[in-house]
Amino acid sequence: MNFVRTALLAALAPAALIGLFGAPPALAHPRLLSAQPATGASVAKPTRIALAFSEKLVPQMSGMDVVMTGMPGMANHAPMKMGGFKTALDKDGKTLVATFARALPAGTYQVQWHVVSVDTHRVEGRIAFTVK
């Protein structure tokens, strides 16, 4: 009988603690809410890419690579990683922004992003757009 009582108390203890103190907060991962340019968009001469997320980001662990995947008139254009831009978090702490010194030339682009929020889990994804 004593064994049954001990087993029952051990099984119910976590539920009792949650009842007394409430459930611990759920740790969610940051989700991409919007992108400028938007994925699939065709835009003219952007000088900035902005990715808005659902949570505040850790700037030292978040960033993006911008790759030109196609160039007009060059069917065999090899993907080319773009440089010459700076990434930073916007004032809200949730928007990762890449700022270019000059407008991106005409072509197709893929942005490969990675972000980390306070939950410390890395999340990554990609968007693609076209510059006219």
Protein backbone atom coordinates (compact mmCIF):
# COMPACT_ATOMS: atom_id res chain seq x y z
CA MET A 1 0.00 0.00 0.00
CA ASN A 2 2.82 2.39 0.86
CA PHE A 3 4.40 1.72 -2.56
CA VAL A 4 1.13 2.57 -4.36
CA ARG A 5 0.77 5.83 -2.41
CA THR A 6 4.39 6.85 -3.19
CA ALA A 7 3.97 6.05 -6.89
CA LEU A 8 0.71 8.00 -7.05
CA LEU A 9 2.26 11.05 -5.34
CA ALA A 10 5.26 10.94 -7.68
CA ALA A 11 2.96 10.83 -10.70
CA LEU A 12 0.76 13.69 -9.50
CA ALA A 13 3.51 15.98 -8.17
CA PRO A 14 4.28 17.75 -11.49
CA ALA A 15 0.58 18.41 -12.11
CA ALA A 16 0.18 19.76 -8.58
CA LEU A 17 3.14 22.10 -9.02
CA ILE A 18 1.72 23.43 -12.28
CA GLY A 19 -1.60 23.95 -10.53
CA LEU A 20 0.08 25.92 -7.76
CA PHE A 21 2.55 27.95 -9.78
CA GLY A 22 1.11 27.97 -13.28
CA ALA A 23 2.57 26.47 -16.41
CA PRO A 24 6.04 27.61 -17.49
CA PRO A 25 6.02 29.97 -20.47
CA ALA A 26 6.19 28.23 -23.82
CA LEU A 27 9.35 28.92 -25.78
CA ALA A 28 8.43 29.62 -29.35
CA HIS A 29 10.79 30.07 -32.24
CA PRO A 30 10.87 33.31 -34.23
CA ARG A 31 8.68 33.20 -37.34
CA LEU A 32 9.14 35.34 -40.43
CA LEU A 33 6.09 37.62 -40.56
CA SER A 34 6.93 39.75 -43.60
CA ALA A 35 9.69 40.59 -46.03
CA GLN A 36 10.47 43.67 -48.10
CA PRO A 37 10.83 42.87 -50.95
CA ALA A 38 8.21 40.18 -50.48
CA THR A 39 8.95 36.67 -51.65
CA GLY A 40 8.04 36.35 -55.32
CA ALA A 41 7.90 40.14 -55.80
CA SER A 42 9.33 42.03 -58.75
CA VAL A 43 10.80 45.33 -57.58
CA ALA A 44 12.82 48.21 -59.00
CA LYS A 45 16.29 49.00 -57.63
CA PRO A 46 16.04 48.09 -53.94
CA THR A 47 18.75 49.36 -51.60
CA ARG A 48 17.41 47.56 -48.56
CA ILE A 49 16.00 44.18 -47.53
CA ALA A 50 13.92 44.01 -44.34
CA LEU A 51 12.74 40.80 -42.67
CA ALA A 52 10.25 41.19 -39.79
CA PHE A 53 10.03 38.39 -37.22
CA SER A 54 7.62 37.47 -34.44
CA GLU A 55 10.17 37.83 -31.62
CA LYS A 56 13.11 39.99 -30.66
CA LEU A 57 16.35 38.72 -32.18
CA VAL A 58 19.90 38.32 -30.92
CA PRO A 59 21.87 40.56 -33.32
CA GLN A 60 25.20 38.75 -32.96
CA MET A 61 23.60 35.46 -34.03
CA SER A 62 21.29 36.68 -36.78
CA GLY A 63 22.09 37.57 -40.37
CA MET A 64 21.50 36.92 -44.04
CA ASP A 65 23.27 36.07 -47.26
CA VAL A 66 22.05 37.58 -50.52
CA VAL A 67 22.73 35.54 -53.64
CA MET A 68 22.12 36.68 -57.22
CA THR A 69 20.73 33.54 -58.85
CA GLY A 70 20.15 34.86 -62.36
CA MET A 71 21.07 37.79 -64.56
CA PRO A 72 19.08 39.00 -67.60
CA GLY A 73 20.65 37.88 -70.89
CA MET A 74 23.00 35.40 -69.22
CA ALA A 75 21.42 31.95 -69.27
CA ASN A 76 24.41 30.24 -67.64
CA HIS A 77 24.96 32.81 -64.89
CA ALA A 78 26.44 31.09 -61.85
CA PRO A 79 24.95 32.09 -58.48
CA MET A 80 26.92 34.99 -57.05
CA LYS A 81 27.01 35.89 -53.36
CA MET A 82 26.49 39.63 -52.96
CA GLY A 83 28.68 41.71 -50.69
CA GLY A 84 28.90 45.35 -49.78
CA PHE A 85 25.98 45.48 -47.38
CA LYS A 86 25.52 45.83 -43.65
CA THR A 87 22.97 44.02 -41.53
CA ALA A 88 21.47 45.40 -38.34
CA LEU A 89 18.35 45.14 -36.25
CA ASP A 90 15.74 47.85 -36.59
CA LYS A 91 14.62 49.78 -33.47
CA ASP A 92 11.91 47.20 -32.72
CA GLY A 93 14.54 44.47 -32.26
CA LYS A 94 12.44 42.14 -34.43
CA THR A 95 13.35 43.35 -37.94
CA LEU A 96 16.61 42.30 -39.58
CA VAL A 97 17.68 44.84 -42.20
CA ALA A 98 20.36 44.65 -44.89
CA THR A 99 21.35 48.01 -46.36
CA PHE A 100 23.25 48.23 -49.66
CA ALA A 101 25.48 51.13 -50.70
CA ARG A 102 24.02 50.89 -54.23
CA ALA A 103 20.77 49.52 -55.62
CA LEU A 104 20.79 45.84 -56.54
CA PRO A 105 21.18 45.30 -60.31
CA ALA A 106 18.50 43.59 -62.40
CA GLY A 107 18.27 39.86 -61.83
CA THR A 108 16.82 37.20 -59.56
CA TYR A 109 17.86 36.95 -55.92
CA GLN A 110 17.60 34.56 -53.03
CA VAL A 111 17.98 35.72 -49.44
CA GLN A 112 19.10 32.99 -47.06
CA TRP A 113 18.46 34.17 -43.51
CA HIS A 114 19.20 32.78 -40.07
CA VAL A 115 17.99 34.23 -36.79
CA VAL A 116 18.19 33.45 -33.10
CA SER A 117 15.82 34.85 -30.48
CA VAL A 118 16.03 34.69 -26.70
CA ASP A 119 15.03 31.00 -26.76
CA THR A 120 18.51 30.39 -28.34
CA HIS A 121 17.21 28.16 -31.13
CA ARG A 122 18.50 28.97 -34.61
CA VAL A 123 15.81 29.26 -37.27
CA GLU A 124 16.57 29.68 -40.95
CA GLY A 125 14.76 30.13 -44.21
CA ARG A 126 14.85 31.83 -47.56
CA ILE A 127 12.93 34.21 -49.74
CA ALA A 128 13.34 34.97 -53.45
CA PHE A 129 12.52 38.06 -55.49
CA THR A 130 13.32 39.70 -58.83
CA VAL A 131 14.83 43.12 -59.52
CA LYS A 132 13.54 44.68 -62.76
